[in-house]
C-alpha cells in the first residue's frame, strides 16, 4: 500500500503567532516536522500544506509544499484540500501535525502498522503516568475498548475503564483515501463544540477510530513555555553530541 504524509501549517496561532516559522535552535518548527517525517521509510511522499506564501517559500528551500486556499477551518480540512492537488492516489493519508517538531519516525511507523486496508481512521496513544498531565486540559485523554477502538476523547480526566490507567492522544492521524473526503464534509457536532475536538465529530457520525500504542514521548509547541522547553531540549542534545 501507498502512504502520504501531509503536514498542515498556518500562521494564525493565538498563543504563538507565526508558529511554523519560529526557530528551535537553528531550524524552524515546520522544517523539523518535515525532516522527522521524511525519515520514516514507509511514507512514499511527504508534503506541507499551507495557505501562507511566506511558509510556502520557506518550505521550498528544503522540501515539497502545496499552497491551499484560506477556506479550511482546521488541519484535516487543509489536508483534504491539499490532496485534491495531488494526482497520484494513496491508500492512506497521514495528517502529521505541523507543531510536533519531535515526532519520531518510529511513531509514524506505528501508525502505519495498523493501516491494514480495513481500518478507516487510525491514530496513536501513549499511557500517562504523570498526574499533572492527567489533569491538564491541554492534554487530550482517550478512552479505549478491548479492540483498541477509541470510544471517547476529552480534555477532562477520563480513565480507560481500569483504575489509574490513562492514555493521552498523540495527534497524528491516518485516513483511508475515501474516508478523508467524507469526514471533511461533516457538519460540526454537539460534543465537538463542547470540547473543541474534531475527532468527536467522527465518533458521533459512527466512524471507528482505531488506536496503536507508543511508549515514546513527544510534545507539540503551543505556547512560549513549550518553545523554551524545546530549545532547552535541542541545546542539551547538541551538548551530548
C-alpha atoms as a PDB file:
ATOM      1  CA  UNK A   1       0.000   0.000   0.000  1.00  0.00           C
ATOM      2  CA  UNK A   2       0.992   3.609  -0.556  1.00  0.00           C
ATOM      3  CA  UNK A   3       1.147   6.253   2.179  1.00  0.00           C
ATOM      4  CA  UNK A   4       1.455  10.020   2.000  1.00  0.00           C
ATOM      5  CA  UNK A   5       2.174  12.331   4.916  1.00  0.00           C
ATOM      6  CA  UNK A   6       0.638  15.812   4.700  1.00  0.00           C
ATOM      7  CA  UNK A   7       1.685  18.453   7.230  1.00  0.00           C
ATOM      8  CA  UNK A   8      -0.831  21.297   7.583  1.00  0.00           C
ATOM      9  CA  UNK A   9       0.697  24.637   8.600  1.00  0.00           C
ATOM     10  CA  UNK A  10      -0.815  28.063   9.237  1.00  0.00           C
ATOM     11  CA  UNK A  11       0.479  31.325  10.634  1.00  0.00           C
ATOM     12  CA  UNK A  12      -2.591  32.227  12.734  1.00  0.00           C
ATOM     13  CA  UNK A  13      -1.857  30.824  16.194  1.00  0.00           C
ATOM     14  CA  UNK A  14      -3.445  32.724  19.095  1.00  0.00           C
ATOM     15  CA  UNK A  15      -0.816  31.773  21.649  1.00  0.00           C
ATOM     16  CA  UNK A  16       2.230  31.688  19.374  1.00  0.00           C
ATOM     17  CA  UNK A  17       1.753  33.795  16.213  1.00  0.00           C
ATOM     18  CA  UNK A  18       3.773  32.735  13.183  1.00  0.00           C
ATOM     19  CA  UNK A  19       4.462  29.400  14.845  1.00  0.00           C
ATOM     20  CA  UNK A  20       5.648  27.349  11.814  1.00  0.00           C
ATOM     21  CA  UNK A  21       8.499  29.794  11.150  1.00  0.00           C
ATOM     22  CA  UNK A  22       9.572  30.139  14.778  1.00  0.00           C
ATOM     23  CA  UNK A  23      13.005  28.607  15.285  1.00  0.00           C
ATOM     24  CA  UNK A  24      14.054  25.884  17.686  1.00  0.00           C
ATOM     25  CA  UNK A  25      17.819  26.042  17.662  1.00  0.00           C
ATOM     26  CA  UNK A  26      18.813  26.802  14.073  1.00  0.00           C
ATOM     27  CA  UNK A  27      15.745  25.304  12.365  1.00  0.00           C
ATOM     28  CA  UNK A  28      12.109  26.337  12.151  1.00  0.00           C
ATOM     29  CA  UNK A  29       9.378  24.227  13.701  1.00  0.00           C
ATOM     30  CA  UNK A  30       7.960  23.289  10.287  1.00  0.00           C
ATOM     31  CA  UNK A  31      11.367  22.220   8.978  1.00  0.00           C
ATOM     32  CA  UNK A  32      11.882  19.962  11.990  1.00  0.00           C
ATOM     33  CA  UNK A  33       8.476  18.329  11.477  1.00  0.00           C
ATOM     34  CA  UNK A  34       9.209  17.781   7.786  1.00  0.00           C
ATOM     35  CA  UNK A  35      12.677  16.336   8.385  1.00  0.00           C
ATOM     36  CA  UNK A  36      11.408  13.977  11.086  1.00  0.00           C
ATOM     37  CA  UNK A  37       8.611  12.793   8.785  1.00  0.00           C
ATOM     38  CA  UNK A  38      10.794  12.016   5.763  1.00  0.00           C
ATOM     39  CA  UNK A  39      12.933   9.769   7.972  1.00  0.00           C
ATOM     40  CA  UNK A  40      10.052   7.270   8.040  1.00  0.00           C
ATOM     41  CA  UNK A  41      10.759   4.886   5.131  1.00  0.00           C
ATOM     42  CA  UNK A  42       7.142   3.690   4.998  1.00  0.00           C
ATOM     43  CA  UNK A  43       5.984   7.103   3.762  1.00  0.00           C
ATOM     44  CA  UNK A  44       6.052   7.317  -0.022  1.00  0.00           C
ATOM     45  CA  UNK A  45       5.696  11.099  -0.030  1.00  0.00           C
ATOM     46  CA  UNK A  46       5.717  13.990   2.453  1.00  0.00           C
ATOM     47  CA  UNK A  47       4.360  17.452   1.685  1.00  0.00           C
ATOM     48  CA  UNK A  48       3.492  20.595   3.653  1.00  0.00           C
ATOM     49  CA  UNK A  49       0.060  22.176   3.058  1.00  0.00           C
ATOM     50  CA  UNK A  50      -0.309  25.901   3.784  1.00  0.00           C
ATOM     51  CA  UNK A  51      -2.232  28.974   2.682  1.00  0.00           C
ATOM     52  CA  UNK A  52       0.652  31.280   3.571  1.00  0.00           C
ATOM     53  CA  UNK A  53       3.141  32.485   0.937  1.00  0.00           C
ATOM     54  CA  UNK A  54       5.902  33.045   3.485  1.00  0.00           C
ATOM     55  CA  UNK A  55       5.630  29.454   4.746  1.00  0.00           C
ATOM     56  CA  UNK A  56       5.485  28.182   1.148  1.00  0.00           C
ATOM     57  CA  UNK A  57       8.690  29.985   0.158  1.00  0.00           C
ATOM     58  CA  UNK A  58      10.444  28.761   3.289  1.00  0.00           C
ATOM     59  CA  UNK A  59       9.469  25.101   2.797  1.00  0.00           C
ATOM     60  CA  UNK A  60      10.533  25.182  -0.863  1.00  0.00           C
ATOM     61  CA  UNK A  61      14.129  25.549   0.370  1.00  0.00           C
ATOM     62  CA  UNK A  62      14.118  22.038   1.831  1.00  0.00           C
ATOM     63  CA  UNK A  63      11.010  20.126   0.747  1.00  0.00           C
ATOM     64  CA  UNK A  64       7.671  19.883  -1.043  1.00  0.00           C
ATOM     65  CA  UNK A  65       4.763  22.223  -0.376  1.00  0.00           C
ATOM     66  CA  UNK A  66       1.239  22.805  -1.677  1.00  0.00           C
ATOM     67  CA  UNK A  67      -0.470  26.198  -1.474  1.00  0.00           C
ATOM     68  CA  UNK A  68      -4.093  25.804  -0.387  1.00  0.00           C
ATOM     69  CA  UNK A  69      -6.880  28.348  -0.071  1.00  0.00           C
ATOM     70  CA  UNK A  70      -7.715  30.026   3.225  1.00  0.00           C
ATOM     71  CA  UNK A  71     -11.087  28.232   3.408  1.00  0.00           C
ATOM     72  CA  UNK A  72     -10.052  25.207   5.564  1.00  0.00           C
ATOM     73  CA  UNK A  73     -11.095  25.669   9.199  1.00  0.00           C
ATOM     74  CA  UNK A  74      -8.758  23.028  10.614  1.00  0.00           C
ATOM     75  CA  UNK A  75      -5.798  20.825   9.753  1.00  0.00           C
ATOM     76  CA  UNK A  76      -7.864  17.924   8.469  1.00  0.00           C
ATOM     77  CA  UNK A  77      -9.733  20.144   6.029  1.00  0.00           C
ATOM     78  CA  UNK A  78      -6.415  21.600   4.834  1.00  0.00           C
ATOM     79  CA  UNK A  79      -5.046  18.089   4.304  1.00  0.00           C
ATOM     80  CA  UNK A  80      -8.167  17.218   2.329  1.00  0.00           C
ATOM     81  CA  UNK A  81      -7.824  20.258   0.082  1.00  0.00           C
ATOM     82  CA  UNK A  82      -4.114  19.626  -0.475  1.00  0.00           C
ATOM     83  CA  UNK A  83      -4.901  16.076  -1.536  1.00  0.00           C
ATOM     84  CA  UNK A  84      -7.080  17.414  -4.363  1.00  0.00           C
ATOM     85  CA  UNK A  85      -3.927  18.870  -5.954  1.00  0.00           C
ATOM     86  CA  UNK A  86      -2.119  15.520  -5.903  1.00  0.00           C
ATOM     87  CA  UNK A  87      -2.807  13.385  -8.966  1.00  0.00           C
ATOM     88  CA  UNK A  88      -1.473  10.107  -7.579  1.00  0.00           C
ATOM     89  CA  UNK A  89      -3.829   8.099  -5.371  1.00  0.00           C
ATOM     90  CA  UNK A  90      -2.617   6.845  -1.997  1.00  0.00           C
ATOM     91  CA  UNK A  91      -4.213   4.163   0.165  1.00  0.00           C
ATOM     92  CA  UNK A  92      -3.794   6.167   3.364  1.00  0.00           C
ATOM     93  CA  UNK A  93      -3.287   9.855   4.020  1.00  0.00           C
ATOM     94  CA  UNK A  94      -1.448  10.767   7.217  1.00  0.00           C
ATOM     95  CA  UNK A  95      -2.173  14.088   8.882  1.00  0.00           C
ATOM     96  CA  UNK A  96       1.077  14.955  10.683  1.00  0.00           C
ATOM     97  CA  UNK A  97       0.685  17.984  12.936  1.00  0.00           C
ATOM     98  CA  UNK A  98       2.787  20.969  11.913  1.00  0.00           C
ATOM     99  CA  UNK A  99       3.643  21.849  15.507  1.00  0.00           C
ATOM    100  CA  UNK A 100       5.156  18.486  16.503  1.00  0.00           C
ATOM    101  CA  UNK A 101       8.892  19.024  15.839  1.00  0.00           C
ATOM    102  CA  UNK A 102       9.869  15.992  17.910  1.00  0.00           C
ATOM    103  CA  UNK A 103       7.570  13.458  16.258  1.00  0.00           C
ATOM    104  CA  UNK A 104       9.565  10.277  15.787  1.00  0.00           C
ATOM    105  CA  UNK A 105       9.763   8.216  12.578  1.00  0.00           C
ATOM    106  CA  UNK A 106       9.040   5.132  14.686  1.00  0.00           C
ATOM    107  CA  UNK A 107       5.770   6.711  15.861  1.00  0.00           C
ATOM    108  CA  UNK A 108       4.735   7.345  12.276  1.00  0.00           C
ATOM    109  CA  UNK A 109       5.588   3.713  11.508  1.00  0.00           C
ATOM    110  CA  UNK A 110       3.487   2.551  14.482  1.00  0.00           C
ATOM    111  CA  UNK A 111       0.538   4.390  12.982  1.00  0.00           C
ATOM    112  CA  UNK A 112       1.133   2.900   9.539  1.00  0.00           C
ATOM    113  CA  UNK A 113       1.341  -0.567  11.129  1.00  0.00           C
ATOM    114  CA  UNK A 114      -2.429  -0.513  11.760  1.00  0.00           C
ATOM    115  CA  UNK A 115      -3.300   0.887   8.331  1.00  0.00           C
ATOM    116  CA  UNK A 116      -4.274  -2.538   7.063  1.00  0.00           C
ATOM    117  CA  UNK A 117      -6.857  -1.572   4.459  1.00  0.00           C
ATOM    118  CA  UNK A 118      -9.732  -2.314   6.864  1.00  0.00           C
ATOM    119  CA  UNK A 119      -9.282   0.425   9.469  1.00  0.00           C
ATOM    120  CA  UNK A 120     -10.774   3.699   8.219  1.00  0.00           C
ATOM    121  CA  UNK A 121      -9.243   6.111  10.738  1.00  0.00           C
ATOM    122  CA  UNK A 122      -6.150   5.373  12.817  1.00  0.00           C
ATOM    123  CA  UNK A 123      -4.282   7.301  15.497  1.00  0.00           C
ATOM    124  CA  UNK A 124      -1.745   6.910  18.338  1.00  0.00           C
ATOM    125  CA  UNK A 125      -1.962   6.991  22.131  1.00  0.00           C
ATOM    126  CA  UNK A 126       0.515   6.864  24.990  1.00  0.00           C
ATOM    127  CA  UNK A 127      -0.011   5.833  28.588  1.00  0.00           C
ATOM    128  CA  UNK A 128       0.092   8.705  31.085  1.00  0.00           C
ATOM    129  CA  UNK A 129       1.743   8.246  34.470  1.00  0.00           C
ATOM    130  CA  UNK A 130       2.133  11.902  35.456  1.00  0.00           C
ATOM    131  CA  UNK A 131      -0.878  13.153  37.447  1.00  0.00           C
ATOM    132  CA  UNK A 132      -0.316  16.746  36.282  1.00  0.00           C
ATOM    133  CA  UNK A 133      -0.696  15.603  32.680  1.00  0.00           C
ATOM    134  CA  UNK A 134      -3.842  13.644  33.534  1.00  0.00           C
ATOM    135  CA  UNK A 135      -5.405  16.819  34.913  1.00  0.00           C
ATOM    136  CA  UNK A 136      -4.132  19.188  32.201  1.00  0.00           C
ATOM    137  CA  UNK A 137      -6.907  20.250  29.774  1.00  0.00           C
ATOM    138  CA  UNK A 138      -4.286  20.834  27.059  1.00  0.00           C
ATOM    139  CA  UNK A 139      -3.571  17.079  27.004  1.00  0.00           C
ATOM    140  CA  UNK A 140      -6.316  15.086  25.310  1.00  0.00           C
ATOM    141  CA  UNK A 141      -7.278  11.877  27.084  1.00  0.00           C
ATOM    142  CA  UNK A 142      -8.637   8.814  25.264  1.00  0.00           C
ATOM    143  CA  UNK A 143     -10.931   6.002  26.387  1.00  0.00           C
ATOM    144  CA  UNK A 144     -10.282   2.735  24.536  1.00  0.00           C
ATOM    145  CA  UNK A 145     -12.073  -0.616  24.440  1.00  0.00           C
ATOM    146  CA  UNK A 146     -10.555  -4.106  24.298  1.00  0.00           C
ATOM    147  CA  UNK A 147     -10.476  -3.956  20.487  1.00  0.00           C
ATOM    148  CA  UNK A 148      -8.234  -0.862  20.564  1.00  0.00           C
ATOM    149  CA  UNK A 149     -11.089   1.285  19.362  1.00  0.00           C
ATOM    150  CA  UNK A 150     -11.337   4.833  20.688  1.00  0.00           C
ATOM    151  CA  UNK A 151     -14.646   5.373  22.483  1.00  0.00           C
ATOM    152  CA  UNK A 152     -14.136   8.930  23.651  1.00  0.00           C
ATOM    153  CA  UNK A 153     -11.708  11.855  23.606  1.00  0.00           C
ATOM    154  CA  UNK A 154     -11.774  14.538  26.268  1.00  0.00           C
ATOM    155  CA  UNK A 155      -9.816  17.365  27.847  1.00  0.00           C
ATOM    156  CA  UNK A 156     -11.180  16.175  31.175  1.00  0.00           C
ATOM    157  CA  UNK A 157      -9.819  13.274  33.209  1.00  0.00           C
ATOM    158  CA  UNK A 158     -11.265  10.065  31.722  1.00  0.00           C
ATOM    159  CA  UNK A 159      -9.709   6.724  32.549  1.00  0.00           C
ATOM    160  CA  UNK A 160      -9.614   3.626  30.426  1.00  0.00           C
ATOM    161  CA  UNK A 161     -12.067   1.612  32.492  1.00  0.00           C
ATOM    162  CA  UNK A 162      -9.281   0.475  34.786  1.00  0.00           C
ATOM    163  CA  UNK A 163      -8.204   2.277  37.929  1.00  0.00           C
ATOM    164  CA  UNK A 164      -5.298   4.659  37.347  1.00  0.00           C
ATOM    165  CA  UNK A 165      -4.942   3.773  33.647  1.00  0.00           C
ATOM    166  CA  UNK A 166      -4.968   6.833  31.434  1.00  0.00           C
ATOM    167  CA  UNK A 167      -3.938   7.384  27.819  1.00  0.00           C
ATOM    168  CA  UNK A 168      -3.119  10.641  26.072  1.00  0.00           C
ATOM    169  CA  UNK A 169      -3.714  11.254  22.410  1.00  0.00           C
ATOM    170  CA  UNK A 170      -0.729  11.692  20.098  1.00  0.00           C
ATOM    171  CA  UNK A 171      -2.323  13.964  17.474  1.00  0.00           C
ATOM    172  CA  UNK A 172      -1.364  12.179  14.291  1.00  0.00           C
ATOM    173  CA  UNK A 173      -3.999  10.530  12.081  1.00  0.00           C
ATOM    174  CA  UNK A 174      -4.192   8.187   9.131  1.00  0.00           C
ATOM    175  CA  UNK A 175      -7.281   8.162   6.911  1.00  0.00           C
ATOM    176  CA  UNK A 176      -8.300   5.818   4.135  1.00  0.00           C
ATOM    177  CA  UNK A 177      -8.418   7.775   0.885  1.00  0.00           C
ATOM    178  CA  UNK A 178     -12.210   7.806   0.516  1.00  0.00           C
ATOM    179  CA  UNK A 179     -12.874   8.372   4.232  1.00  0.00           C
ATOM    180  CA  UNK A 180     -10.995  11.671   4.332  1.00  0.00           C
ATOM    181  CA  UNK A 181     -13.235  13.181   1.665  1.00  0.00           C
ATOM    182  CA  UNK A 182     -16.286  12.083   3.690  1.00  0.00           C
ATOM    183  CA  UNK A 183     -15.330  13.400   7.118  1.00  0.00           C
ATOM    184  CA  UNK A 184     -14.303  16.888   5.951  1.00  0.00           C
ATOM    185  CA  UNK A 185     -17.872  17.362   4.701  1.00  0.00           C
ATOM    186  CA  UNK A 186     -19.469  16.549   8.066  1.00  0.00           C
ATOM    187  CA  UNK A 187     -21.040  19.451   9.999  1.00  0.00           C
ATOM    188  CA  UNK A 188     -19.730  20.274  13.466  1.00  0.00           C
ATOM    189  CA  UNK A 189     -21.223  18.024  16.128  1.00  0.00           C
ATOM    190  CA  UNK A 190     -22.525  18.763  19.615  1.00  0.00           C
ATOM    191  CA  UNK A 191     -19.635  17.168  21.520  1.00  0.00           C
ATOM    192  CA  UNK A 192     -17.077  18.670  19.177  1.00  0.00           C
ATOM    193  CA  UNK A 193     -18.367  22.139  20.024  1.00  0.00           C
ATOM    194  CA  UNK A 194     -18.173  21.404  23.758  1.00  0.00           C
ATOM    195  CA  UNK A 195     -14.621  20.021  23.713  1.00  0.00           C
ATOM    196  CA  UNK A 196     -13.189  21.717  20.592  1.00  0.00           C
ATOM    197  CA  UNK A 197     -12.037  18.293  19.352  1.00  0.00           C
ATOM    198  CA  UNK A 198     -12.847  17.429  15.744  1.00  0.00           C
ATOM    199  CA  UNK A 199     -12.381  13.683  16.292  1.00  0.00           C
ATOM    200  CA  UNK A 200     -15.578  13.710  18.367  1.00  0.00           C
ATOM    201  CA  UNK A 201     -17.424  14.707  15.168  1.00  0.00           C
ATOM    202  CA  UNK A 202     -16.244  11.497  13.544  1.00  0.00           C
ATOM    203  CA  UNK A 203     -17.273   9.344  16.511  1.00  0.00           C
ATOM    204  CA  UNK A 204     -20.700  10.978  16.671  1.00  0.00           C
ATOM    205  CA  UNK A 205     -21.153  10.090  13.000  1.00  0.00           C
ATOM    206  CA  UNK A 206     -20.286   6.435  13.701  1.00  0.00           C
ATOM    207  CA  UNK A 207     -16.791   6.365  12.225  1.00  0.00           C
ATOM    208  CA  UNK A 208     -14.473   3.968  14.027  1.00  0.00           C
ATOM    209  CA  UNK A 209     -11.099   5.258  15.202  1.00  0.00           C
ATOM    210  CA  UNK A 210      -8.538   2.515  15.855  1.00  0.00           C
ATOM    211  CA  UNK A 211      -5.502   3.244  18.013  1.00  0.00           C
ATOM    212  CA  UNK A 212      -1.987   1.898  18.263  1.00  0.00           C
ATOM    213  CA  UNK A 213       0.289   2.469  21.233  1.00  0.00           C
ATOM    214  CA  UNK A 214       3.615   4.211  21.602  1.00  0.00           C
ATOM    215  CA  UNK A 215       5.945   4.389  24.577  1.00  0.00           C
ATOM    216  CA  UNK A 216       7.919   7.253  23.081  1.00  0.00           C
ATOM    217  CA  UNK A 217       7.347  10.773  24.322  1.00  0.00           C
ATOM    218  CA  UNK A 218       6.761  13.818  22.159  1.00  0.00           C
ATOM    219  CA  UNK A 219       5.207  17.213  22.656  1.00  0.00           C
ATOM    220  CA  UNK A 220       3.735  19.941  20.499  1.00  0.00           C
ATOM    221  CA  UNK A 221       4.591  23.624  20.531  1.00  0.00           C
ATOM    222  CA  UNK A 222       1.572  25.668  21.612  1.00  0.00           C
ATOM    223  CA  UNK A 223       2.996  28.286  23.979  1.00  0.00           C
ATOM    224  CA  UNK A 224       6.154  30.271  24.703  1.00  0.00           C
ATOM    225  CA  UNK A 225       6.781  27.856  27.574  1.00  0.00           C
ATOM    226  CA  UNK A 226       6.706  24.926  25.126  1.00  0.00           C
ATOM    227  CA  UNK A 227       9.166  26.798  22.922  1.00  0.00           C
ATOM    228  CA  UNK A 228      11.543  27.374  25.837  1.00  0.00           C
ATOM    229  CA  UNK A 229      11.352  23.689  26.734  1.00  0.00           C
ATOM    230  CA  UNK A 230      12.057  22.727  23.115  1.00  0.00           C
ATOM    231  CA  UNK A 231      15.105  24.982  22.889  1.00  0.00           C
ATOM    232  CA  UNK A 232      16.494  23.553  26.112  1.00  0.00           C
ATOM    233  CA  UNK A 233      16.000  20.030  24.758  1.00  0.00           C
ATOM    234  CA  UNK A 234      17.751  20.805  21.454  1.00  0.00           C
ATOM    235  CA  UNK A 235      20.569  22.577  23.312  1.00  0.00           C
ATOM    236  CA  UNK A 236      21.105  19.575  25.618  1.00  0.00           C
ATOM    237  CA  UNK A 237      21.141  17.198  22.634  1.00  0.00           C
ATOM    238  CA  UNK A 238      23.892  19.278  20.984  1.00  0.00           C
ATOM    239  CA  UNK A 239      25.970  19.138  24.161  1.00  0.00           C
ATOM    240  CA  UNK A 240      25.599  15.352  24.343  1.00  0.00           C
ATOM    241  CA  UNK A 241      26.733  15.026  20.709  1.00  0.00           C
END
